[in-house]
Amino acid sequence: MNKHFEDARYYLSRAGEHAKEGALEELEPLEERFRNITGREEEPEPSRLDKLQSDLKELEERAEGEAQTAIANARERIRRYRSDDTAE
């Protein structure tokens, strides 16, 4: 890609990021006022502990799924081995 286009793309993405940040900053007082009127509190950001716990839960579920797949594959290989062994 032409260097000029690369530069233009970079500056456009930066301009978009700045526009988004500016809009959020301008709307923050309105959001706060709306939340006060409706009685809704802002959702707290998850703590580091919450993030770690969710990551561990995800890893546990993935490991469990991989273990079940490995067991199923092993059972299938054993079944095939036994059926080949009895055929002879």
PDB file of N, CA and C in Angstrom:
ATOM      1  N   MET A   1       0.844  -1.175   0.000  1.00  0.00           N
ATOM      2  CA  MET A   1       0.000   0.000   0.000  1.00  0.00           C
ATOM      3  C   MET A   1       0.888   1.236   0.000  1.00  0.00           C
ATOM      4  N   ASN A   2       0.461   2.229  -0.687  1.00  0.00           N
ATOM      5  CA  ASN A   2       1.170   3.482  -0.790  1.00  0.00           C
ATOM      6  C   ASN A   2       1.343   4.103   0.599  1.00  0.00           C
ATOM      7  N   LYS A   3       2.514   4.645   0.864  1.00  0.00           N
ATOM      8  CA  LYS A   3       2.823   5.238   2.167  1.00  0.00           C
ATOM      9  C   LYS A   3       1.826   6.323   2.548  1.00  0.00           C
ATOM     10  N   HIS A   4       1.372   7.092   1.575  1.00  0.00           N
ATOM     11  CA  HIS A   4       0.411   8.163   1.852  1.00  0.00           C
ATOM     12  C   HIS A   4      -0.917   7.584   2.344  1.00  0.00           C
ATOM     13  N   PHE A   5      -1.344   6.463   1.741  1.00  0.00           N
ATOM     14  CA  PHE A   5      -2.583   5.833   2.177  1.00  0.00           C
ATOM     15  C   PHE A   5      -2.428   5.241   3.572  1.00  0.00           C
ATOM     16  N   GLU A   6      -1.266   4.659   3.838  1.00  0.00           N
ATOM     17  CA  GLU A   6      -1.017   4.115   5.173  1.00  0.00           C
ATOM     18  C   GLU A   6      -1.081   5.213   6.225  1.00  0.00           C
ATOM     19  N   ASP A   7      -0.456   6.355   5.920  1.00  0.00           N
ATOM     20  CA  ASP A   7      -0.492   7.485   6.851  1.00  0.00           C
ATOM     21  C   ASP A   7      -1.917   7.988   7.038  1.00  0.00           C
ATOM     22  N   ALA A   8      -2.649   8.107   5.936  1.00  0.00           N
ATOM     23  CA  ALA A   8      -4.020   8.608   6.014  1.00  0.00           C
ATOM     24  C   ALA A   8      -4.883   7.662   6.845  1.00  0.00           C
ATOM     25  N   ARG A   9      -4.710   6.360   6.633  1.00  0.00           N
ATOM     26  CA  ARG A   9      -5.485   5.384   7.401  1.00  0.00           C
ATOM     27  C   ARG A   9      -5.163   5.486   8.886  1.00  0.00           C
ATOM     28  N   TYR A  10      -3.893   5.646   9.207  1.00  0.00           N
ATOM     29  CA  TYR A  10      -3.478   5.784  10.602  1.00  0.00           C
ATOM     30  C   TYR A  10      -4.130   7.010  11.237  1.00  0.00           C
ATOM     31  N   TYR A  11      -4.034   8.148  10.563  1.00  0.00           N
ATOM     32  CA  TYR A  11      -4.571   9.385  11.123  1.00  0.00           C
ATOM     33  C   TYR A  11      -6.100   9.359  11.202  1.00  0.00           C
ATOM     34  N   LEU A  12      -6.743   8.694  10.258  1.00  0.00           N
ATOM     35  CA  LEU A  12      -8.199   8.563  10.335  1.00  0.00           C
ATOM     36  C   LEU A  12      -8.606   7.702  11.530  1.00  0.00           C
ATOM     37  N   SER A  13      -7.868   6.620  11.771  1.00  0.00           N
ATOM     38  CA  SER A  13      -8.211   5.779  12.923  1.00  0.00           C
ATOM     39  C   SER A  13      -7.976   6.539  14.225  1.00  0.00           C
ATOM     40  N   ARG A  14      -6.888   7.302  14.288  1.00  0.00           N
ATOM     41  CA  ARG A  14      -6.619   8.119  15.484  1.00  0.00           C
ATOM     42  C   ARG A  14      -7.710   9.162  15.669  1.00  0.00           C
ATOM     43  N   ALA A  15      -8.150   9.787  14.585  1.00  0.00           N
ATOM     44  CA  ALA A  15      -9.212  10.795  14.667  1.00  0.00           C
ATOM     45  C   ALA A  15     -10.503  10.155  15.169  1.00  0.00           C
ATOM     46  N   GLY A  16     -10.790   8.955  14.698  1.00  0.00           N
ATOM     47  CA  GLY A  16     -11.977   8.236  15.163  1.00  0.00           C
ATOM     48  C   GLY A  16     -11.909   7.932  16.650  1.00  0.00           C
ATOM     49  N   GLU A  17     -10.730   7.491  17.099  1.00  0.00           N
ATOM     50  CA  GLU A  17     -10.555   7.199  18.522  1.00  0.00           C
ATOM     51  C   GLU A  17     -10.758   8.452  19.364  1.00  0.00           C
ATOM     52  N   HIS A  18     -10.176   9.563  18.910  1.00  0.00           N
ATOM     53  CA  HIS A  18     -10.305  10.816  19.648  1.00  0.00           C
ATOM     54  C   HIS A  18     -11.751  11.317  19.646  1.00  0.00           C
ATOM     55  N   ALA A  19     -12.434  11.155  18.529  1.00  0.00           N
ATOM     56  CA  ALA A  19     -13.833  11.574  18.453  1.00  0.00           C
ATOM     57  C   ALA A  19     -14.685  10.753  19.419  1.00  0.00           C
ATOM     58  N   LYS A  20     -14.425   9.456  19.488  1.00  0.00           N
ATOM     59  CA  LYS A  20     -15.172   8.589  20.405  1.00  0.00           C
ATOM     60  C   LYS A  20     -14.916   9.010  21.847  1.00  0.00           C
ATOM     61  N   GLU A  21     -13.646   9.213  22.208  1.00  0.00           N
ATOM     62  CA  GLU A  21     -13.306   9.630  23.565  1.00  0.00           C
ATOM     63  C   GLU A  21     -13.952  10.966  23.899  1.00  0.00           C
ATOM     64  N   GLY A  22     -13.934  11.900  22.945  1.00  0.00           N
ATOM     65  CA  GLY A  22     -14.551  13.200  23.164  1.00  0.00           C
ATOM     66  C   GLY A  22     -16.050  13.093  23.371  1.00  0.00           C
ATOM     67  N   ALA A  23     -16.707  12.273  22.565  1.00  0.00           N
ATOM     68  CA  ALA A  23     -18.152  12.096  22.703  1.00  0.00           C
ATOM     69  C   ALA A  23     -18.490  11.479  24.053  1.00  0.00           C
ATOM     70  N   LEU A  24     -17.737  10.460  24.458  1.00  0.00           N
ATOM     71  CA  LEU A  24     -17.982   9.832  25.759  1.00  0.00           C
ATOM     72  C   LEU A  24     -17.776  10.823  26.897  1.00  0.00           C
ATOM     73  N   GLU A  25     -16.757  11.646  26.780  1.00  0.00           N
ATOM     74  CA  GLU A  25     -16.468  12.637  27.809  1.00  0.00           C
ATOM     75  C   GLU A  25     -17.593  13.675  27.882  1.00  0.00           C
ATOM     76  N   GLU A  26     -18.117  14.091  26.730  1.00  0.00           N
ATOM     77  CA  GLU A  26     -19.203  15.070  26.709  1.00  0.00           C
ATOM     78  C   GLU A  26     -20.501  14.482  27.248  1.00  0.00           C
ATOM     79  N   LEU A  27     -20.741  13.193  26.981  1.00  0.00           N
ATOM     80  CA  LEU A  27     -21.997  12.558  27.395  1.00  0.00           C
ATOM     81  C   LEU A  27     -21.964  12.037  28.833  1.00  0.00           C
ATOM     82  N   GLU A  28     -20.794  11.992  29.442  1.00  0.00           N
ATOM     83  CA  GLU A  28     -20.670  11.449  30.798  1.00  0.00           C
ATOM     84  C   GLU A  28     -21.581  12.150  31.807  1.00  0.00           C
ATOM     85  N   PRO A  29     -21.646  13.491  31.836  1.00  0.00           N
ATOM     86  CA  PRO A  29     -22.552  14.146  32.791  1.00  0.00           C
ATOM     87  C   PRO A  29     -24.030  13.800  32.539  1.00  0.00           C
ATOM     88  N   LEU A  30     -24.401  13.669  31.257  1.00  0.00           N
ATOM     89  CA  LEU A  30     -25.781  13.293  30.935  1.00  0.00           C
ATOM     90  C   LEU A  30     -26.093  11.883  31.413  1.00  0.00           C
ATOM     91  N   GLU A  31     -25.152  10.981  31.217  1.00  0.00           N
ATOM     92  CA  GLU A  31     -25.348   9.602  31.668  1.00  0.00           C
ATOM     93  C   GLU A  31     -25.500   9.562  33.185  1.00  0.00           C
ATOM     94  N   GLU A  32     -24.644  10.297  33.879  1.00  0.00           N
ATOM     95  CA  GLU A  32     -24.702  10.325  35.339  1.00  0.00           C
ATOM     96  C   GLU A  32     -26.048  10.891  35.814  1.00  0.00           C
ATOM     97  N   ARG A  33     -26.488  11.949  35.170  1.00  0.00           N
ATOM     98  CA  ARG A  33     -27.775  12.553  35.529  1.00  0.00           C
ATOM     99  C   ARG A  33     -28.919  11.582  35.265  1.00  0.00           C
ATOM    100  N   PHE A  34     -28.885  10.899  34.133  1.00  0.00           N
ATOM    101  CA  PHE A  34     -29.904   9.907  33.786  1.00  0.00           C
ATOM    102  C   PHE A  34     -29.933   8.786  34.820  1.00  0.00           C
ATOM    103  N   ARG A  35     -28.758   8.311  35.223  1.00  0.00           N
ATOM    104  CA  ARG A  35     -28.691   7.242  36.221  1.00  0.00           C
ATOM    105  C   ARG A  35     -29.250   7.709  37.564  1.00  0.00           C
ATOM    106  N   ASN A  36     -28.990   8.949  37.934  1.00  0.00           N
ATOM    107  CA  ASN A  36     -29.534   9.475  39.188  1.00  0.00           C
ATOM    108  C   ASN A  36     -31.051   9.564  39.133  1.00  0.00           C
ATOM    109  N   ILE A  37     -31.581   9.993  37.992  1.00  0.00           N
ATOM    110  CA  ILE A  37     -33.029  10.139  37.843  1.00  0.00           C
ATOM    111  C   ILE A  37     -33.708   8.776  37.867  1.00  0.00           C
ATOM    112  N   THR A  38     -33.155   7.809  37.159  1.00  0.00           N
ATOM    113  CA  THR A  38     -33.792   6.494  37.056  1.00  0.00           C
ATOM    114  C   THR A  38     -33.445   5.579  38.218  1.00  0.00           C
ATOM    115  N   GLY A  39     -32.447   5.951  39.003  1.00  0.00           N
ATOM    116  CA  GLY A  39     -32.068   5.124  40.145  1.00  0.00           C
ATOM    117  C   GLY A  39     -31.201   3.937  39.776  1.00  0.00           C
ATOM    118  N   ARG A  40     -30.672   3.961  38.589  1.00  0.00           N
ATOM    119  CA  ARG A  40     -29.797   2.856  38.163  1.00  0.00           C
ATOM    120  C   ARG A  40     -28.351   3.234  38.430  1.00  0.00           C
ATOM    121  N   GLU A  41     -27.654   2.311  39.027  1.00  0.00           N
ATOM    122  CA  GLU A  41     -26.237   2.547  39.307  1.00  0.00           C
ATOM    123  C   GLU A  41     -25.399   2.030  38.154  1.00  0.00           C
ATOM    124  N   GLU A  42     -24.238   2.616  37.994  1.00  0.00           N
ATOM    125  CA  GLU A  42     -23.321   2.187  36.941  1.00  0.00           C
ATOM    126  C   GLU A  42     -22.769   0.812  37.295  1.00  0.00           C
ATOM    127  N   GLU A  43     -22.667  -0.042  36.282  1.00  0.00           N
ATOM    128  CA  GLU A  43     -22.116  -1.372  36.482  1.00  0.00           C
ATOM    129  C   GLU A  43     -20.649  -1.269  36.871  1.00  0.00           C
ATOM    130  N   PRO A  44     -20.272  -1.881  37.980  1.00  0.00           N
ATOM    131  CA  PRO A  44     -18.855  -1.816  38.359  1.00  0.00           C
ATOM    132  C   PRO A  44     -18.005  -2.672  37.428  1.00  0.00           C
ATOM    133  N   GLU A  45     -16.784  -2.231  37.227  1.00  0.00           N
ATOM    134  CA  GLU A  45     -15.858  -3.022  36.417  1.00  0.00           C
ATOM    135  C   GLU A  45     -15.471  -4.261  37.214  1.00  0.00           C
ATOM    136  N   PRO A  46     -15.310  -5.399  36.542  1.00  0.00           N
ATOM    137  CA  PRO A  46     -14.921  -6.598  37.282  1.00  0.00           C
ATOM    138  C   PRO A  46     -13.531  -6.419  37.898  1.00  0.00           C
ATOM    139  N   SER A  47     -13.391  -6.933  39.106  1.00  0.00           N
ATOM    140  CA  SER A  47     -12.100  -6.822  39.783  1.00  0.00           C
ATOM    141  C   SER A  47     -11.118  -7.807  39.166  1.00  0.00           C
ATOM    142  N   ARG A  48      -9.874  -7.678  39.546  1.00  0.00           N
ATOM    143  CA  ARG A  48      -8.854  -8.609  39.039  1.00  0.00           C
ATOM    144  C   ARG A  48      -9.194 -10.027  39.456  1.00  0.00           C
ATOM    145  N   LEU A  49      -9.696 -10.173  40.691  1.00  0.00           N
ATOM    146  CA  LEU A  49     -10.065 -11.502  41.180  1.00  0.00           C
ATOM    147  C   LEU A  49     -11.204 -12.079  40.339  1.00  0.00           C
ATOM    148  N   ASP A  50     -12.208 -11.256  40.034  1.00  0.00           N
ATOM    149  CA  ASP A  50     -13.320 -11.730  39.203  1.00  0.00           C
ATOM    150  C   ASP A  50     -12.835 -12.156  37.824  1.00  0.00           C
ATOM    151  N   LYS A  51     -11.922 -11.371  37.243  1.00  0.00           N
ATOM    152  CA  LYS A  51     -11.375 -11.722  35.925  1.00  0.00           C
ATOM    153  C   LYS A  51     -10.615 -13.037  35.990  1.00  0.00           C
ATOM    154  N   LEU A  52      -9.791 -13.192  37.033  1.00  0.00           N
ATOM    155  CA  LEU A  52      -9.035 -14.435  37.179  1.00  0.00           C
ATOM    156  C   LEU A  52      -9.961 -15.624  37.369  1.00  0.00           C
ATOM    157  N   GLN A  53     -11.011 -15.443  38.176  1.00  0.00           N
ATOM    158  CA  GLN A  53     -11.944 -16.542  38.405  1.00  0.00           C
ATOM    159  C   GLN A  53     -12.659 -16.924  37.116  1.00  0.00           C
ATOM    160  N   SER A  54     -13.060 -15.941  36.318  1.00  0.00           N
ATOM    161  CA  SER A  54     -13.741 -16.273  35.062  1.00  0.00           C
ATOM    162  C   SER A  54     -12.773 -16.943  34.086  1.00  0.00           C
ATOM    163  N   ASP A  55     -11.511 -16.490  34.070  1.00  0.00           N
ATOM    164  CA  ASP A  55     -10.507 -17.130  33.214  1.00  0.00           C
ATOM    165  C   ASP A  55     -10.278 -18.575  33.635  1.00  0.00           C
ATOM    166  N   LEU A  56     -10.181 -18.796  34.947  1.00  0.00           N
ATOM    167  CA  LEU A  56      -9.977 -20.160  35.443  1.00  0.00           C
ATOM    168  C   LEU A  56     -11.170 -21.052  35.127  1.00  0.00           C
ATOM    169  N   LYS A  57     -12.373 -20.505  35.248  1.00  0.00           N
ATOM    170  CA  LYS A  57     -13.579 -21.272  34.934  1.00  0.00           C
ATOM    171  C   LYS A  57     -13.577 -21.653  33.456  1.00  0.00           C
ATOM    172  N   GLU A  58     -13.206 -20.713  32.604  1.00  0.00           N
ATOM    173  CA  GLU A  58     -13.142 -20.977  31.167  1.00  0.00           C
ATOM    174  C   GLU A  58     -12.105 -22.062  30.860  1.00  0.00           C
ATOM    175  N   LEU A  59     -10.933 -21.963  31.492  1.00  0.00           N
ATOM    176  CA  LEU A  59      -9.895 -22.970  31.290  1.00  0.00           C
ATOM    177  C   LEU A  59     -10.351 -24.337  31.778  1.00  0.00           C
ATOM    178  N   GLU A  60     -11.040 -24.351  32.910  1.00  0.00           N
ATOM    179  CA  GLU A  60     -11.543 -25.604  33.457  1.00  0.00           C
ATOM    180  C   GLU A  60     -12.533 -26.255  32.495  1.00  0.00           C
ATOM    181  N   GLU A  61     -13.449 -25.458  31.956  1.00  0.00           N
ATOM    182  CA  GLU A  61     -14.440 -25.993  31.020  1.00  0.00           C
ATOM    183  C   GLU A  61     -13.774 -26.498  29.748  1.00  0.00           C
ATOM    184  N   ARG A  62     -12.775 -25.762  29.267  1.00  0.00           N
ATOM    185  CA  ARG A  62     -12.078 -26.184  28.054  1.00  0.00           C
ATOM    186  C   ARG A  62     -11.309 -27.480  28.299  1.00  0.00           C
ATOM    187  N   ALA A  63     -10.627 -27.560  29.450  1.00  0.00           N
ATOM    188  CA  ALA A  63      -9.875 -28.776  29.780  1.00  0.00           C
ATOM    189  C   ALA A  63     -10.814 -29.964  29.937  1.00  0.00           C
ATOM    190  N   GLU A  64     -11.967 -29.712  30.545  1.00  0.00           N
ATOM    191  CA  GLU A  64     -12.955 -30.780  30.716  1.00  0.00           C
ATOM    192  C   GLU A  64     -13.434 -31.289  29.363  1.00  0.00           C
ATOM    193  N   GLY A  65     -13.698 -30.377  28.450  1.00  0.00           N
ATOM    194  CA  GLY A  65     -14.137 -30.765  27.108  1.00  0.00           C
ATOM    195  C   GLY A  65     -13.063 -31.530  26.361  1.00  0.00           C
ATOM    196  N   GLU A  66     -11.813 -31.067  26.481  1.00  0.00           N
ATOM    197  CA  GLU A  66     -10.713 -31.769  25.814  1.00  0.00           C
ATOM    198  C   GLU A  66     -10.512 -33.153  26.413  1.00  0.00           C
ATOM    199  N   ALA A  67     -10.669 -33.278  27.729  1.00  0.00           N
ATOM    200  CA  ALA A  67     -10.526 -34.587  28.379  1.00  0.00           C
ATOM    201  C   ALA A  67     -11.626 -35.538  27.907  1.00  0.00           C
ATOM    202  N   GLN A  68     -12.850 -35.036  27.811  1.00  0.00           N
ATOM    203  CA  GLN A  68     -13.947 -35.878  27.339  1.00  0.00           C
ATOM    204  C   GLN A  68     -13.712 -36.329  25.901  1.00  0.00           C
ATOM    205  N   THR A  69     -13.203 -35.449  25.079  1.00  0.00           N
ATOM    206  CA  THR A  69     -12.899 -35.805  23.691  1.00  0.00           C
ATOM    207  C   THR A  69     -11.800 -36.859  23.640  1.00  0.00           C
ATOM    208  N   ALA A  70     -10.760 -36.689  24.459  1.00  0.00           N
ATOM    209  CA  ALA A  70      -9.662 -37.657  24.484  1.00  0.00           C
ATOM    210  C   ALA A  70     -10.162 -39.019  24.953  1.00  0.00           C
ATOM    211  N   ILE A  71     -11.012 -39.035  25.954  1.00  0.00           N
ATOM    212  CA  ILE A  71     -11.560 -40.304  26.457  1.00  0.00           C
ATOM    213  C   ILE A  71     -12.402 -40.976  25.381  1.00  0.00           C
ATOM    214  N   ALA A  72     -13.233 -40.196  24.702  1.00  0.00           N
ATOM    215  CA  ALA A  72     -14.073 -40.764  23.640  1.00  0.00           C
ATOM    216  C   ALA A  72     -13.207 -41.338  22.520  1.00  0.00           C
ATOM    217  N   ASN A  73     -12.140 -40.616  22.150  1.00  0.00           N
ATOM    218  CA  ASN A  73     -11.238 -41.119  21.103  1.00  0.00           C
ATOM    219  C   ASN A  73     -10.546 -42.398  21.555  1.00  0.00           C
ATOM    220  N   ALA A  74     -10.103 -42.440  22.807  1.00  0.00           N
ATOM    221  CA  ALA A  74      -9.435 -43.638  23.323  1.00  0.00           C
ATOM    222  C   ALA A  74     -10.394 -44.826  23.340  1.00  0.00           C
ATOM    223  N   ARG A  75     -11.631 -44.595  23.762  1.00  0.00           N
ATOM    224  CA  ARG A  75     -12.626 -45.684  23.784  1.00  0.00           C
ATOM    225  C   ARG A  75     -12.877 -46.206  22.369  1.00  0.00           C
ATOM    226  N   GLU A  76     -12.950 -45.299  21.419  1.00  0.00           N
ATOM    227  CA  GLU A  76     -13.179 -45.704  20.032  1.00  0.00           C
ATOM    228  C   GLU A  76     -12.005 -46.529  19.506  1.00  0.00           C
ATOM    229  N   ARG A  77     -10.787 -46.107  19.816  1.00  0.00           N
ATOM    230  CA  ARG A  77      -9.606 -46.871  19.378  1.00  0.00           C
ATOM    231  C   ARG A  77      -9.590 -48.258  20.017  1.00  0.00           C
ATOM    232  N   ILE A  78      -9.941 -48.324  21.292  1.00  0.00           N
ATOM    233  CA  ILE A  78      -9.984 -49.619  21.972  1.00  0.00           C
ATOM    234  C   ILE A  78     -11.053 -50.502  21.344  1.00  0.00           C
ATOM    235  N   ARG A  79     -12.224 -49.933  21.057  1.00  0.00           N
ATOM    236  CA  ARG A  79     -13.302 -50.699  20.430  1.00  0.00           C
ATOM    237  C   ARG A  79     -12.864 -51.240  19.070  1.00  0.00           C
ATOM    238  N   ARG A  80     -12.200 -50.378  18.270  1.00  0.00           N
ATOM    239  CA  ARG A  80     -11.719 -50.822  16.954  1.00  0.00           C
ATOM    240  C   ARG A  80     -10.646 -51.899  17.099  1.00  0.00           C
ATOM    241  N   TYR A  81      -9.755 -51.727  18.061  1.00  0.00           N
ATOM    242  CA  TYR A  81      -8.693 -52.701  18.285  1.00  0.00           C
ATOM    243  C   TYR A  81      -9.284 -54.045  18.668  1.00  0.00           C
ATOM    244  N   ARG A  82     -10.270 -54.029  19.555  1.00  0.00           N
ATOM    245  CA  ARG A  82     -10.890 -55.276  20.005  1.00  0.00           C
ATOM    246  C   ARG A  82     -11.672 -55.942  18.868  1.00  0.00           C
ATOM    247  N   SER A  83     -12.351 -55.136  18.045  1.00  0.00           N
ATOM    248  CA  SER A  83     -13.126 -55.728  16.935  1.00  0.00           C
ATOM    249  C   SER A  83     -12.180 -56.311  15.882  1.00  0.00           C
ATOM    250  N   ASP A  84     -11.011 -55.686  15.668  1.00  0.00           N
ATOM    251  CA  ASP A  84     -10.028 -56.225  14.741  1.00  0.00           C
ATOM    252  C   ASP A  84      -9.405 -57.483  15.304  1.00  0.00           C
ATOM    253  N   ASP A  85      -9.188 -57.514  16.611  1.00  0.00           N
ATOM    254  CA  ASP A  85      -8.562 -58.642  17.282  1.00  0.00           C
ATOM    255  C   ASP A  85      -9.487 -59.872  17.260  1.00  0.00           C
ATOM    256  N   THR A  86     -10.787 -59.681  17.429  1.00  0.00           N
ATOM    257  CA  THR A  86     -11.729 -60.811  17.441  1.00  0.00           C
ATOM    258  C   THR A  86     -12.026 -61.290  16.032  1.00  0.00           C
ATOM    259  N   ALA A  87     -11.824 -60.469  15.024  1.00  0.00           N
ATOM    260  CA  ALA A  87     -12.087 -60.860  13.651  1.00  0.00           C
ATOM    261  C   ALA A  87     -11.056 -61.862  13.157  1.00  0.00           C
ATOM    262  N   GLU A  88      -9.878 -61.856  13.738  1.00  0.00           N
ATOM    263  CA  GLU A  88      -8.819 -62.746  13.249  1.00  0.00           C
ATOM    264  C   GLU A  88      -8.912 -64.095  13.814  1.00  0.00           C
TER     265      GLU A  88
END
